[in-house]
Amino acid sequence: MNIVYVEDDPANVMLLERVITSTGDELVTFQDAESALESGAIRQADLLLVDIHLPGELNGLDMTEVLRAHGVDVPVVMITAYDLPDYVQRTRALGGDQYLVKPVSVPDLMNVLHNYRA
């Protein structure tokens, strides 16, 4: 499975990289929404993992909105430290598929990957 992870925290990226080495999936990471959107990686992704709060002009919710407006239907899992009902509702309204709260445990990450691989 091809996974794109948009996350600006190196510790979170390293955690996912460690998980991915055990699953055999491919991972491409970006530190901001703009560089992810400009790349061709999203079009080839099977799953997008996106932090909500990102540096730059677009946050993860904005990025999801842009993707859906352009017909990109790749599953989007929002991963954020903010466990607020407003973010969950907005994620769903914009076409996000799932919402995970940091810190995400390795078993939870493995379950998410397994569910989208199936």
C-alpha atoms as a PDB file:
ATOM      1  CA  MET A   1       0.000   0.000   0.000  1.00  0.00           C
ATOM      2  CA  ASN A   2       1.271   3.491  -0.861  1.00  0.00           C
ATOM      3  CA  ILE A   3       0.886   5.864   2.082  1.00  0.00           C
ATOM      4  CA  VAL A   4       1.392   9.622   2.121  1.00  0.00           C
ATOM      5  CA  TYR A   5       1.937  11.181   5.547  1.00  0.00           C
ATOM      6  CA  VAL A   6       1.731  14.962   5.930  1.00  0.00           C
ATOM      7  CA  GLU A   7       3.243  15.797   9.299  1.00  0.00           C
ATOM      8  CA  ASP A   8       5.674  18.459  10.518  1.00  0.00           C
ATOM      9  CA  ASP A   9       6.789  16.733  13.739  1.00  0.00           C
ATOM     10  CA  PRO A  10       9.873  14.562  13.073  1.00  0.00           C
ATOM     11  CA  ALA A  11       9.120  12.290  16.060  1.00  0.00           C
ATOM     12  CA  ASN A  12       5.712  11.398  14.644  1.00  0.00           C
ATOM     13  CA  VAL A  13       7.204  10.781  11.206  1.00  0.00           C
ATOM     14  CA  MET A  14       9.859   8.490  12.721  1.00  0.00           C
ATOM     15  CA  LEU A  15       7.192   6.503  14.563  1.00  0.00           C
ATOM     16  CA  LEU A  16       5.258   5.871  11.365  1.00  0.00           C
ATOM     17  CA  GLU A  17       8.461   5.009   9.501  1.00  0.00           C
ATOM     18  CA  ARG A  18       9.204   2.347  12.114  1.00  0.00           C
ATOM     19  CA  VAL A  19       5.689   0.927  11.798  1.00  0.00           C
ATOM     20  CA  ILE A  20       5.890   0.922   7.995  1.00  0.00           C
ATOM     21  CA  THR A  21       9.146  -1.033   7.967  1.00  0.00           C
ATOM     22  CA  SER A  22       7.303  -3.912   9.614  1.00  0.00           C
ATOM     23  CA  THR A  23       4.318  -3.801   7.245  1.00  0.00           C
ATOM     24  CA  GLY A  24       6.099  -3.646   3.894  1.00  0.00           C
ATOM     25  CA  ASP A  25       4.091  -0.599   2.811  1.00  0.00           C
ATOM     26  CA  GLU A  26       5.594   2.357   0.952  1.00  0.00           C
ATOM     27  CA  LEU A  27       5.706   5.718   2.736  1.00  0.00           C
ATOM     28  CA  VAL A  28       6.223   9.233   1.385  1.00  0.00           C
ATOM     29  CA  THR A  29       6.269  12.117   3.871  1.00  0.00           C
ATOM     30  CA  PHE A  30       5.757  15.848   3.548  1.00  0.00           C
ATOM     31  CA  GLN A  31       6.091  18.575   6.168  1.00  0.00           C
ATOM     32  CA  ASP A  32       3.356  20.815   4.795  1.00  0.00           C
ATOM     33  CA  ALA A  33       0.163  20.626   2.767  1.00  0.00           C
ATOM     34  CA  GLU A  34       1.447  22.745  -0.105  1.00  0.00           C
ATOM     35  CA  SER A  35       4.373  20.468  -0.951  1.00  0.00           C
ATOM     36  CA  ALA A  36       2.153  17.388  -0.662  1.00  0.00           C
ATOM     37  CA  LEU A  37      -0.435  18.893  -3.010  1.00  0.00           C
ATOM     38  CA  GLU A  38       2.232  19.897  -5.543  1.00  0.00           C
ATOM     39  CA  SER A  39       3.703  16.408  -5.658  1.00  0.00           C
ATOM     40  CA  GLY A  40       2.428  13.534  -7.737  1.00  0.00           C
ATOM     41  CA  ALA A  41       2.521  11.244  -4.702  1.00  0.00           C
ATOM     42  CA  ILE A  42      -1.081  11.898  -3.690  1.00  0.00           C
ATOM     43  CA  ARG A  43      -2.436  10.631  -7.000  1.00  0.00           C
ATOM     44  CA  GLN A  44      -0.625   7.332  -6.457  1.00  0.00           C
ATOM     45  CA  ALA A  45      -1.499   6.996  -2.767  1.00  0.00           C
ATOM     46  CA  ASP A  46      -3.787   4.361  -1.327  1.00  0.00           C
ATOM     47  CA  LEU A  47      -4.048   6.197   1.995  1.00  0.00           C
ATOM     48  CA  LEU A  48      -3.357   9.723   3.242  1.00  0.00           C
ATOM     49  CA  LEU A  49      -2.463  10.388   6.867  1.00  0.00           C
ATOM     50  CA  VAL A  50      -2.702  14.110   7.546  1.00  0.00           C
ATOM     51  CA  ASP A  51      -1.982  16.224  10.597  1.00  0.00           C
ATOM     52  CA  ILE A  52      -4.442  19.090  11.041  1.00  0.00           C
ATOM     53  CA  HIS A  53      -2.012  21.751  12.249  1.00  0.00           C
ATOM     54  CA  LEU A  54       0.689  22.220   9.639  1.00  0.00           C
ATOM     55  CA  PRO A  55       3.069  25.050   8.775  1.00  0.00           C
ATOM     56  CA  GLY A  56       2.243  27.098   5.722  1.00  0.00           C
ATOM     57  CA  GLU A  57      -0.969  28.607   4.437  1.00  0.00           C
ATOM     58  CA  LEU A  58      -2.999  25.396   4.373  1.00  0.00           C
ATOM     59  CA  ASN A  59      -3.748  23.169   7.331  1.00  0.00           C
ATOM     60  CA  GLY A  60      -4.751  19.518   7.039  1.00  0.00           C
ATOM     61  CA  LEU A  61      -8.457  20.342   6.868  1.00  0.00           C
ATOM     62  CA  ASP A  62      -7.828  22.827   4.048  1.00  0.00           C
ATOM     63  CA  MET A  63      -5.781  20.214   2.236  1.00  0.00           C
ATOM     64  CA  THR A  64      -8.583  17.660   2.511  1.00  0.00           C
ATOM     65  CA  GLU A  65     -11.062  20.199   1.180  1.00  0.00           C
ATOM     66  CA  VAL A  66      -8.823  20.929  -1.827  1.00  0.00           C
ATOM     67  CA  LEU A  67      -8.388  17.224  -2.552  1.00  0.00           C
ATOM     68  CA  ARG A  68     -12.112  16.495  -2.431  1.00  0.00           C
ATOM     69  CA  ALA A  69     -12.892  19.560  -4.569  1.00  0.00           C
ATOM     70  CA  HIS A  70     -10.546  18.141  -7.216  1.00  0.00           C
ATOM     71  CA  GLY A  71     -12.133  14.690  -7.144  1.00  0.00           C
ATOM     72  CA  VAL A  72      -9.397  12.922  -5.194  1.00  0.00           C
ATOM     73  CA  ASP A  73     -11.133  10.109  -3.336  1.00  0.00           C
ATOM     74  CA  VAL A  74      -8.156   8.531  -1.578  1.00  0.00           C
ATOM     75  CA  PRO A  75      -9.049   7.797   2.072  1.00  0.00           C
ATOM     76  CA  VAL A  76      -7.890  10.571   4.413  1.00  0.00           C
ATOM     77  CA  VAL A  77      -7.159   9.848   8.066  1.00  0.00           C
ATOM     78  CA  MET A  78      -6.683  12.999  10.112  1.00  0.00           C
ATOM     79  CA  ILE A  79      -4.170  12.630  12.932  1.00  0.00           C
ATOM     80  CA  THR A  80      -4.059  15.437  15.468  1.00  0.00           C
ATOM     81  CA  ALA A  81      -3.393  16.272  19.085  1.00  0.00           C
ATOM     82  CA  TYR A  82      -6.680  18.180  19.208  1.00  0.00           C
ATOM     83  CA  ASP A  83      -9.538  16.021  20.458  1.00  0.00           C
ATOM     84  CA  LEU A  84     -12.237  18.608  19.830  1.00  0.00           C
ATOM     85  CA  PRO A  85     -15.739  17.837  18.520  1.00  0.00           C
ATOM     86  CA  ASP A  86     -15.508  20.767  16.090  1.00  0.00           C
ATOM     87  CA  TYR A  87     -12.483  19.238  14.365  1.00  0.00           C
ATOM     88  CA  VAL A  88     -14.121  15.818  14.178  1.00  0.00           C
ATOM     89  CA  GLN A  89     -17.279  17.325  12.640  1.00  0.00           C
ATOM     90  CA  ARG A  90     -15.304  19.454  10.221  1.00  0.00           C
ATOM     91  CA  THR A  91     -13.186  16.456   9.200  1.00  0.00           C
ATOM     92  CA  ARG A  92     -16.317  14.491   8.331  1.00  0.00           C
ATOM     93  CA  ALA A  93     -17.956  17.444   6.567  1.00  0.00           C
ATOM     94  CA  LEU A  94     -14.887  17.896   4.349  1.00  0.00           C
ATOM     95  CA  GLY A  95     -14.732  14.239   3.391  1.00  0.00           C
ATOM     96  CA  GLY A  96     -12.204  12.938   5.900  1.00  0.00           C
ATOM     97  CA  ASP A  97     -12.594   9.227   6.502  1.00  0.00           C
ATOM     98  CA  GLN A  98     -11.230   8.844  10.014  1.00  0.00           C
ATOM     99  CA  TYR A  99      -9.948  10.928  12.916  1.00  0.00           C
ATOM    100  CA  LEU A 100      -7.181   9.790  15.278  1.00  0.00           C
ATOM    101  CA  VAL A 101      -5.952  11.641  18.342  1.00  0.00           C
ATOM    102  CA  LYS A 102      -2.220  11.852  19.125  1.00  0.00           C
ATOM    103  CA  PRO A 103      -0.394  10.250  20.616  1.00  0.00           C
ATOM    104  CA  VAL A 104      -1.508   7.352  18.444  1.00  0.00           C
ATOM    105  CA  SER A 105      -0.450   3.963  19.740  1.00  0.00           C
ATOM    106  CA  VAL A 106       1.370   1.514  17.494  1.00  0.00           C
ATOM    107  CA  PRO A 107      -1.484  -1.030  17.739  1.00  0.00           C
ATOM    108  CA  ASP A 108      -3.985   1.657  16.688  1.00  0.00           C
ATOM    109  CA  LEU A 109      -1.783   2.613  13.732  1.00  0.00           C
ATOM    110  CA  MET A 110      -1.455  -1.021  12.729  1.00  0.00           C
ATOM    111  CA  ASN A 111      -5.249  -1.423  12.882  1.00  0.00           C
ATOM    112  CA  VAL A 112      -5.791   1.629  10.695  1.00  0.00           C
ATOM    113  CA  LEU A 113      -3.320   0.354   8.121  1.00  0.00           C
ATOM    114  CA  HIS A 114      -4.867  -3.102   8.188  1.00  0.00           C
ATOM    115  CA  ASN A 115      -8.389  -1.721   7.768  1.00  0.00           C
ATOM    116  CA  TYR A 116      -7.467   0.351   4.720  1.00  0.00           C
ATOM    117  CA  ARG A 117      -5.390  -2.450   3.239  1.00  0.00           C
ATOM    118  CA  ALA A 118      -8.374  -4.826   3.336  1.00  0.00           C
END
